[in-house]
PDB file of N, CA and C in Angstrom:
ATOM      1  N   MET A   1       0.846  -1.173   0.000  1.00  0.00           N
ATOM      2  CA  MET A   1       0.000   0.000   0.000  1.00  0.00           C
ATOM      3  C   MET A   1       0.893   1.238   0.000  1.00  0.00           C
ATOM      4  N   ILE A   2       0.564   2.192  -0.852  1.00  0.00           N
ATOM      5  CA  ILE A   2       1.316   3.436  -0.939  1.00  0.00           C
ATOM      6  C   ILE A   2       0.521   4.544  -0.268  1.00  0.00           C
ATOM      7  N   SER A   3       1.167   5.244   0.658  1.00  0.00           N
ATOM      8  CA  SER A   3       0.573   6.422   1.285  1.00  0.00           C
ATOM      9  C   SER A   3       1.507   7.592   1.038  1.00  0.00           C
ATOM     10  N   LYS A   4       0.930   8.742   0.668  1.00  0.00           N
ATOM     11  CA  LYS A   4       1.736   9.929   0.399  1.00  0.00           C
ATOM     12  C   LYS A   4       1.253  11.079   1.266  1.00  0.00           C
ATOM     13  N   TYR A   5       2.226  11.816   1.802  1.00  0.00           N
ATOM     14  CA  TYR A   5       1.938  12.982   2.630  1.00  0.00           C
ATOM     15  C   TYR A   5       2.833  14.124   2.157  1.00  0.00           C
ATOM     16  N   SER A   6       2.332  15.338   2.218  1.00  0.00           N
ATOM     17  CA  SER A   6       3.119  16.501   1.813  1.00  0.00           C
ATOM     18  C   SER A   6       3.067  17.572   2.885  1.00  0.00           C
ATOM     19  N   HIS A   7       4.190  18.234   3.056  1.00  0.00           N
ATOM     20  CA  HIS A   7       4.272  19.392   3.944  1.00  0.00           C
ATOM     21  C   HIS A   7       5.207  20.389   3.286  1.00  0.00           C
ATOM     22  N   ARG A   8       4.644  21.482   2.846  1.00  0.00           N
ATOM     23  CA  ARG A   8       5.382  22.484   2.074  1.00  0.00           C
ATOM     24  C   ARG A   8       6.024  21.805   0.871  1.00  0.00           C
ATOM     25  N   GLU A   9       7.349  21.856   0.734  1.00  0.00           N
ATOM     26  CA  GLU A   9       8.005  21.251  -0.430  1.00  0.00           C
ATOM     27  C   GLU A   9       8.454  19.809  -0.201  1.00  0.00           C
ATOM     28  N   LEU A  10       8.217  19.265   0.993  1.00  0.00           N
ATOM     29  CA  LEU A  10       8.684  17.922   1.316  1.00  0.00           C
ATOM     30  C   LEU A  10       7.565  16.898   1.139  1.00  0.00           C
ATOM     31  N   ASN A  11       7.857  15.816   0.418  1.00  0.00           N
ATOM     32  CA  ASN A  11       6.917  14.708   0.246  1.00  0.00           C
ATOM     33  C   ASN A  11       7.420  13.503   1.020  1.00  0.00           C
ATOM     34  N   TRP A  12       6.500  12.858   1.729  1.00  0.00           N
ATOM     35  CA  TRP A  12       6.824  11.636   2.453  1.00  0.00           C
ATOM     36  C   TRP A  12       5.989  10.533   1.811  1.00  0.00           C
ATOM     37  N   VAL A  13       6.667   9.478   1.366  1.00  0.00           N
ATOM     38  CA  VAL A  13       6.005   8.348   0.734  1.00  0.00           C
ATOM     39  C   VAL A  13       6.260   7.127   1.609  1.00  0.00           C
ATOM     40  N   ASP A  14       5.184   6.461   2.015  1.00  0.00           N
ATOM     41  CA  ASP A  14       5.272   5.287   2.871  1.00  0.00           C
ATOM     42  C   ASP A  14       4.704   4.098   2.112  1.00  0.00           C
ATOM     43  N   LEU A  15       5.536   3.087   1.913  1.00  0.00           N
ATOM     44  CA  LEU A  15       5.091   1.855   1.268  1.00  0.00           C
ATOM     45  C   LEU A  15       5.077   0.762   2.316  1.00  0.00           C
ATOM     46  N   GLU A  16       3.899   0.265   2.624  1.00  0.00           N
ATOM     47  CA  GLU A  16       3.768  -0.788   3.628  1.00  0.00           C
ATOM     48  C   GLU A  16       3.401  -2.087   2.938  1.00  0.00           C
ATOM     49  N   SER A  17       4.244  -3.097   3.092  1.00  0.00           N
ATOM     50  CA  SER A  17       4.082  -4.397   2.423  1.00  0.00           C
ATOM     51  C   SER A  17       3.782  -4.202   0.937  1.00  0.00           C
ATOM     52  N   PRO A  18       4.656  -3.475   0.226  1.00  0.00           N
ATOM     53  CA  PRO A  18       4.359  -3.169  -1.186  1.00  0.00           C
ATOM     54  C   PRO A  18       4.615  -4.348  -2.106  1.00  0.00           C
ATOM     55  N   THR A  19       3.932  -4.321  -3.240  1.00  0.00           N
ATOM     56  CA  THR A  19       4.225  -5.277  -4.303  1.00  0.00           C
ATOM     57  C   THR A  19       5.469  -4.776  -5.033  1.00  0.00           C
ATOM     58  N   GLU A  20       6.074  -5.621  -5.834  1.00  0.00           N
ATOM     59  CA  GLU A  20       7.239  -5.204  -6.621  1.00  0.00           C
ATOM     60  C   GLU A  20       6.861  -4.101  -7.606  1.00  0.00           C
ATOM     61  N   GLU A  21       5.635  -4.147  -8.119  1.00  0.00           N
ATOM     62  CA  GLU A  21       5.167  -3.116  -9.048  1.00  0.00           C
ATOM     63  C   GLU A  21       5.042  -1.759  -8.352  1.00  0.00           C
ATOM     64  N   GLU A  22       4.557  -1.743  -7.106  1.00  0.00           N
ATOM     65  CA  GLU A  22       4.439  -0.492  -6.356  1.00  0.00           C
ATOM     66  C   GLU A  22       5.817   0.111  -6.080  1.00  0.00           C
ATOM     67  N   VAL A  23       6.781  -0.730  -5.714  1.00  0.00           N
ATOM     68  CA  VAL A  23       8.140  -0.251  -5.469  1.00  0.00           C
ATOM     69  C   VAL A  23       8.729   0.321  -6.764  1.00  0.00           C
ATOM     70  N   ALA A  24       8.586  -0.399  -7.863  1.00  0.00           N
ATOM     71  CA  ALA A  24       9.110   0.064  -9.149  1.00  0.00           C
ATOM     72  C   ALA A  24       8.473   1.388  -9.554  1.00  0.00           C
ATOM     73  N   TYR A  25       7.178   1.530  -9.342  1.00  0.00           N
ATOM     74  CA  TYR A  25       6.464   2.765  -9.680  1.00  0.00           C
ATOM     75  C   TYR A  25       7.023   3.957  -8.903  1.00  0.00           C
ATOM     76  N   ILE A  26       7.206   3.802  -7.594  1.00  0.00           N
ATOM     77  CA  ILE A  26       7.713   4.899  -6.761  1.00  0.00           C
ATOM     78  C   ILE A  26       9.158   5.228  -7.129  1.00  0.00           C
ATOM     79  N   LEU A  27       9.979   4.220  -7.383  1.00  0.00           N
ATOM     80  CA  LEU A  27      11.369   4.477  -7.739  1.00  0.00           C
ATOM     81  C   LEU A  27      11.479   5.229  -9.064  1.00  0.00           C
ATOM     82  N   GLU A  28      10.569   4.960  -9.984  1.00  0.00           N
ATOM     83  CA  GLU A  28      10.547   5.703 -11.248  1.00  0.00           C
ATOM     84  C   GLU A  28       9.983   7.115 -11.047  1.00  0.00           C
ATOM     85  N   GLU A  29       8.916   7.218 -10.293  1.00  0.00           N
ATOM     86  CA  GLU A  29       8.265   8.520 -10.093  1.00  0.00           C
ATOM     87  C   GLU A  29       9.208   9.540  -9.457  1.00  0.00           C
ATOM     88  N   TYR A  30      10.044   9.081  -8.526  1.00  0.00           N
ATOM     89  CA  TYR A  30      10.940   9.991  -7.817  1.00  0.00           C
ATOM     90  C   TYR A  30      12.373   9.964  -8.367  1.00  0.00           C
ATOM     91  N   THR A  31      12.577   9.347  -9.514  1.00  0.00           N
ATOM     92  CA  THR A  31      13.867   9.321 -10.206  1.00  0.00           C
ATOM     93  C   THR A  31      15.006   8.904  -9.274  1.00  0.00           C
ATOM     94  N   ILE A  32      14.862   7.727  -8.714  1.00  0.00           N
ATOM     95  CA  ILE A  32      15.857   7.170  -7.796  1.00  0.00           C
ATOM     96  C   ILE A  32      17.040   6.660  -8.613  1.00  0.00           C
ATOM     97  N   PRO A  33      18.275   6.935  -8.173  1.00  0.00           N
ATOM     98  CA  PRO A  33      19.462   6.503  -8.918  1.00  0.00           C
ATOM     99  C   PRO A  33      19.557   4.981  -9.059  1.00  0.00           C
ATOM    100  N   LEU A  34      20.237   4.566 -10.099  1.00  0.00           N
ATOM    101  CA  LEU A  34      20.377   3.147 -10.418  1.00  0.00           C
ATOM    102  C   LEU A  34      21.034   2.358  -9.282  1.00  0.00           C
ATOM    103  N   PHE A  35      22.049   2.916  -8.616  1.00  0.00           N
ATOM    104  CA  PHE A  35      22.724   2.157  -7.554  1.00  0.00           C
ATOM    105  C   PHE A  35      21.766   1.813  -6.415  1.00  0.00           C
ATOM    106  N   ILE A  36      20.791   2.666  -6.147  1.00  0.00           N
ATOM    107  CA  ILE A  36      19.800   2.372  -5.102  1.00  0.00           C
ATOM    108  C   ILE A  36      18.829   1.301  -5.593  1.00  0.00           C
ATOM    109  N   LYS A  37      18.368   1.416  -6.822  1.00  0.00           N
ATOM    110  CA  LYS A  37      17.463   0.409  -7.388  1.00  0.00           C
ATOM    111  C   LYS A  37      18.105  -0.975  -7.367  1.00  0.00           C
ATOM    112  N   GLU A  38      19.392  -1.035  -7.705  1.00  0.00           N
ATOM    113  CA  GLU A  38      20.092  -2.323  -7.712  1.00  0.00           C
ATOM    114  C   GLU A  38      20.192  -2.905  -6.316  1.00  0.00           C
ATOM    115  N   ASP A  39      20.517  -2.077  -5.320  1.00  0.00           N
ATOM    116  CA  ASP A  39      20.601  -2.574  -3.940  1.00  0.00           C
ATOM    117  C   ASP A  39      19.253  -3.093  -3.456  1.00  0.00           C
ATOM    118  N   ILE A  40      18.175  -2.404  -3.791  1.00  0.00           N
ATOM    119  CA  ILE A  40      16.848  -2.846  -3.371  1.00  0.00           C
ATOM    120  C   ILE A  40      16.475  -4.160  -4.048  1.00  0.00           C
ATOM    121  N   SER A  41      16.754  -4.300  -5.319  1.00  0.00           N
ATOM    122  CA  SER A  41      16.364  -5.513  -6.044  1.00  0.00           C
ATOM    123  C   SER A  41      17.156  -6.743  -5.611  1.00  0.00           C
ATOM    124  N   ARG A  42      18.402  -6.551  -5.129  1.00  0.00           N
ATOM    125  CA  ARG A  42      19.208  -7.703  -4.681  1.00  0.00           C
ATOM    126  C   ARG A  42      18.726  -8.286  -3.358  1.00  0.00           C
ATOM    127  N   LYS A  43      17.998  -7.481  -2.574  1.00  0.00           N
ATOM    128  CA  LYS A  43      17.518  -7.890  -1.252  1.00  0.00           C
ATOM    129  C   LYS A  43      18.653  -8.460  -0.399  1.00  0.00           C
ATOM    130  N   PRO A  44      19.648  -7.640  -0.097  1.00  0.00           N
ATOM    131  CA  PRO A  44      20.806  -8.133   0.656  1.00  0.00           C
ATOM    132  C   PRO A  44      20.444  -8.524   2.093  1.00  0.00           C
ATOM    133  N   LYS A  45      21.208  -9.441   2.638  1.00  0.00           N
ATOM    134  CA  LYS A  45      21.018  -9.848   4.037  1.00  0.00           C
ATOM    135  C   LYS A  45      21.736  -8.904   5.000  1.00  0.00           C
ATOM    136  N   GLU A  46      22.770  -8.207   4.488  1.00  0.00           N
ATOM    137  CA  GLU A  46      23.516  -7.272   5.334  1.00  0.00           C
ATOM    138  C   GLU A  46      22.890  -5.878   5.237  1.00  0.00           C
ATOM    139  N   ASP A  47      23.091  -5.073   6.258  1.00  0.00           N
ATOM    140  CA  ASP A  47      22.614  -3.691   6.243  1.00  0.00           C
ATOM    141  C   ASP A  47      23.502  -2.852   5.332  1.00  0.00           C
ATOM    142  N   ILE A  48      22.887  -1.878   4.657  1.00  0.00           N
ATOM    143  CA  ILE A  48      23.616  -0.996   3.755  1.00  0.00           C
ATOM    144  C   ILE A  48      23.233   0.441   4.076  1.00  0.00           C
ATOM    145  N   VAL A  49      24.215   1.304   4.170  1.00  0.00           N
ATOM    146  CA  VAL A  49      23.970   2.740   4.286  1.00  0.00           C
ATOM    147  C   VAL A  49      24.879   3.419   3.282  1.00  0.00           C
ATOM    148  N   ARG A  50      24.302   4.217   2.408  1.00  0.00           N
ATOM    149  CA  ARG A  50      25.073   4.920   1.378  1.00  0.00           C
ATOM    150  C   ARG A  50      24.709   6.398   1.408  1.00  0.00           C
ATOM    151  N   LEU A  51      25.731   7.223   1.304  1.00  0.00           N
ATOM    152  CA  LEU A  51      25.552   8.662   1.218  1.00  0.00           C
ATOM    153  C   LEU A  51      26.057   9.113  -0.140  1.00  0.00           C
ATOM    154  N   ASP A  52      25.217   9.750  -0.893  1.00  0.00           N
ATOM    155  CA  ASP A  52      25.562  10.286  -2.200  1.00  0.00           C
ATOM    156  C   ASP A  52      25.487  11.801  -2.069  1.00  0.00           C
ATOM    157  N   HIS A  53      25.915  12.526  -3.077  1.00  0.00           N
ATOM    158  CA  HIS A  53      25.880  13.983  -2.978  1.00  0.00           C
ATOM    159  C   HIS A  53      24.458  14.525  -2.824  1.00  0.00           C
ATOM    160  N   SER A  54      23.437  13.755  -3.232  1.00  0.00           N
ATOM    161  CA  SER A  54      22.072  14.245  -3.098  1.00  0.00           C
ATOM    162  C   SER A  54      21.106  13.253  -2.441  1.00  0.00           C
ATOM    163  N   PHE A  55      21.577  12.062  -2.088  1.00  0.00           N
ATOM    164  CA  PHE A  55      20.705  11.047  -1.506  1.00  0.00           C
ATOM    165  C   PHE A  55      21.305  10.443  -0.247  1.00  0.00           C
ATOM    166  N   ILE A  56      20.417  10.051   0.654  1.00  0.00           N
ATOM    167  CA  ILE A  56      20.769   9.187   1.781  1.00  0.00           C
ATOM    168  C   ILE A  56      19.952   7.919   1.582  1.00  0.00           C
ATOM    169  N   PHE A  57      20.616   6.776   1.646  1.00  0.00           N
ATOM    170  CA  PHE A  57      19.958   5.497   1.419  1.00  0.00           C
ATOM    171  C   PHE A  57      20.354   4.541   2.535  1.00  0.00           C
ATOM    172  N   ALA A  58      19.364   3.904   3.150  1.00  0.00           N
ATOM    173  CA  ALA A  58      19.632   2.893   4.170  1.00  0.00           C
ATOM    174  C   ALA A  58      18.733   1.688   3.918  1.00  0.00           C
ATOM    175  N   TYR A  59      19.357   0.527   3.851  1.00  0.00           N
ATOM    176  CA  TYR A  59      18.647  -0.742   3.708  1.00  0.00           C
ATOM    177  C   TYR A  59      18.969  -1.530   4.971  1.00  0.00           C
ATOM    178  N   LEU A  60      17.966  -1.714   5.807  1.00  0.00           N
ATOM    179  CA  LEU A  60      18.186  -2.341   7.108  1.00  0.00           C
ATOM    180  C   LEU A  60      17.398  -3.640   7.217  1.00  0.00           C
ATOM    181  N   ASN A  61      18.000  -4.595   7.897  1.00  0.00           N
ATOM    182  CA  ASN A  61      17.363  -5.876   8.174  1.00  0.00           C
ATOM    183  C   ASN A  61      17.277  -6.042   9.689  1.00  0.00           C
ATOM    184  N   PRO A  62      16.316  -5.383  10.339  1.00  0.00           N
ATOM    185  CA  PRO A  62      16.244  -5.473  11.799  1.00  0.00           C
ATOM    186  C   PRO A  62      15.895  -6.892  12.244  1.00  0.00           C
ATOM    187  N   PRO A  63      16.330  -7.268  13.439  1.00  0.00           N
ATOM    188  CA  PRO A  63      16.019  -8.613  13.926  1.00  0.00           C
ATOM    189  C   PRO A  63      14.517  -8.764  14.151  1.00  0.00           C
ATOM    190  N   GLN A  64      14.055  -9.976  14.006  1.00  0.00           N
ATOM    191  CA  GLN A  64      12.643 -10.270  14.250  1.00  0.00           C
ATOM    192  C   GLN A  64      12.540 -11.439  15.210  1.00  0.00           C
ATOM    193  N   PHE A  65      11.556 -11.375  16.072  1.00  0.00           N
ATOM    194  CA  PHE A  65      11.346 -12.433  17.066  1.00  0.00           C
ATOM    195  C   PHE A  65       9.884 -12.812  17.057  1.00  0.00           C
ATOM    196  N   PRO A  66       9.551 -14.051  16.872  1.00  0.00           N
ATOM    197  CA  PRO A  66      10.436 -15.163  16.560  1.00  0.00           C
ATOM    198  C   PRO A  66      10.913 -15.083  15.110  1.00  0.00           C
ATOM    199  N   LEU A  67      12.023 -15.714  14.835  1.00  0.00           N
ATOM    200  CA  LEU A  67      12.620 -15.691  13.503  1.00  0.00           C
ATOM    201  C   LEU A  67      11.714 -16.414  12.510  1.00  0.00           C
ATOM    202  N   ASP A  68      11.386 -15.719  11.422  1.00  0.00           N
ATOM    203  CA  ASP A  68      10.551 -16.292  10.367  1.00  0.00           C
ATOM    204  C   ASP A  68      11.238 -16.025   9.043  1.00  0.00           C
ATOM    205  N   GLU A  69      11.871 -17.055   8.481  1.00  0.00           N
ATOM    206  CA  GLU A  69      12.620 -16.907   7.232  1.00  0.00           C
ATOM    207  C   GLU A  69      11.732 -16.511   6.059  1.00  0.00           C
ATOM    208  N   ASN A  70      10.446 -16.804   6.133  1.00  0.00           N
ATOM    209  CA  ASN A  70       9.533 -16.493   5.037  1.00  0.00           C
ATOM    210  C   ASN A  70       9.049 -15.044   5.052  1.00  0.00           C
ATOM    211  N   LYS A  71       9.289 -14.350   6.142  1.00  0.00           N
ATOM    212  CA  LYS A  71       8.825 -12.968   6.263  1.00  0.00           C
ATOM    213  C   LYS A  71       9.924 -12.005   5.830  1.00  0.00           C
ATOM    214  N   ASP A  72       9.565 -11.056   4.974  1.00  0.00           N
ATOM    215  CA  ASP A  72      10.498 -10.019   4.528  1.00  0.00           C
ATOM    216  C   ASP A  72      10.526  -8.945   5.609  1.00  0.00           C
ATOM    217  N   ASN A  73      11.641  -8.814   6.287  1.00  0.00           N
ATOM    218  CA  ASN A  73      11.731  -7.918   7.433  1.00  0.00           C
ATOM    219  C   ASN A  73      12.580  -6.690   7.127  1.00  0.00           C
ATOM    220  N   ARG A  74      12.627  -6.269   5.883  1.00  0.00           N
ATOM    221  CA  ARG A  74      13.484  -5.153   5.508  1.00  0.00           C
ATOM    222  C   ARG A  74      12.844  -3.813   5.875  1.00  0.00           C
ATOM    223  N   LEU A  75      13.694  -2.825   6.027  1.00  0.00           N
ATOM    224  CA  LEU A  75      13.273  -1.458   6.274  1.00  0.00           C
ATOM    225  C   LEU A  75      14.185  -0.566   5.445  1.00  0.00           C
ATOM    226  N   ILE A  76      13.615   0.162   4.494  1.00  0.00           N
ATOM    227  CA  ILE A  76      14.394   0.943   3.538  1.00  0.00           C
ATOM    228  C   ILE A  76      14.029   2.413   3.676  1.00  0.00           C
ATOM    229  N   PHE A  77      15.062   3.264   3.757  1.00  0.00           N
ATOM    230  CA  PHE A  77      14.891   4.713   3.777  1.00  0.00           C
ATOM    231  C   PHE A  77      15.630   5.300   2.579  1.00  0.00           C
ATOM    232  N   ILE A  78      14.966   6.171   1.847  1.00  0.00           N
ATOM    233  CA  ILE A  78      15.596   6.923   0.763  1.00  0.00           C
ATOM    234  C   ILE A  78      15.185   8.373   0.970  1.00  0.00           C
ATOM    235  N   ALA A  79      16.154   9.264   1.043  1.00  0.00           N
ATOM    236  CA  ALA A  79      15.814  10.666   1.300  1.00  0.00           C
ATOM    237  C   ALA A  79      16.709  11.599   0.506  1.00  0.00           C
ATOM    238  N   ASN A  80      16.143  12.731   0.142  1.00  0.00           N
ATOM    239  CA  ASN A  80      16.921  13.838  -0.396  1.00  0.00           C
ATOM    240  C   ASN A  80      16.243  15.126   0.060  1.00  0.00           C
ATOM    241  N   ASP A  81      16.534  16.252  -0.556  1.00  0.00           N
ATOM    242  CA  ASP A  81      15.960  17.515  -0.113  1.00  0.00           C
ATOM    243  C   ASP A  81      14.458  17.614  -0.338  1.00  0.00           C
ATOM    244  N   ASN A  82      13.911  16.830  -1.249  1.00  0.00           N
ATOM    245  CA  ASN A  82      12.513  16.967  -1.633  1.00  0.00           C
ATOM    246  C   ASN A  82      11.578  15.861  -1.128  1.00  0.00           C
ATOM    247  N   PHE A  83      12.136  14.721  -0.748  1.00  0.00           N
ATOM    248  CA  PHE A  83      11.272  13.624  -0.340  1.00  0.00           C
ATOM    249  C   PHE A  83      11.956  12.665   0.623  1.00  0.00           C
ATOM    250  N   ILE A  84      11.110  11.913   1.306  1.00  0.00           N
ATOM    251  CA  ILE A  84      11.528  10.794   2.145  1.00  0.00           C
ATOM    252  C   ILE A  84      10.658   9.612   1.727  1.00  0.00           C
ATOM    253  N   ILE A  85      11.302   8.516   1.377  1.00  0.00           N
ATOM    254  CA  ILE A  85      10.573   7.296   1.007  1.00  0.00           C
ATOM    255  C   ILE A  85      10.936   6.233   2.048  1.00  0.00           C
ATOM    256  N   ILE A  86       9.904   5.603   2.584  1.00  0.00           N
ATOM    257  CA  ILE A  86      10.110   4.513   3.546  1.00  0.00           C
ATOM    258  C   ILE A  86       9.386   3.285   3.002  1.00  0.00           C
ATOM    259  N   ILE A  87      10.148   2.198   2.893  1.00  0.00           N
ATOM    260  CA  ILE A  87       9.575   0.929   2.424  1.00  0.00           C
ATOM    261  C   ILE A  87       9.725  -0.072   3.552  1.00  0.00           C
ATOM    262  N   GLN A  88       8.591  -0.637   3.959  1.00  0.00           N
ATOM    263  CA  GLN A  88       8.624  -1.615   5.055  1.00  0.00           C
ATOM    264  C   GLN A  88       7.789  -2.821   4.739  1.00  0.00           C
TER     265      GLN A  88
END
């Protein structure tokens, strides 16, 4: 599910349990750089934090209790001066 909120010039986009199509749509709409798209599509097991000249990107895999290998437990933040995108 995609939820969007705006305050002045800042847009906050929240994707909760999104489909791959919803993620792809938001990444295209906000012109997310290729290196971020690649990191998201690989679904890494390790945490990633990248700072670019215009983006902050964090891909986190917080612990879950009880452990469920079938559950996608990722938490992704993408931010720049104009928007914040959170994928959970």
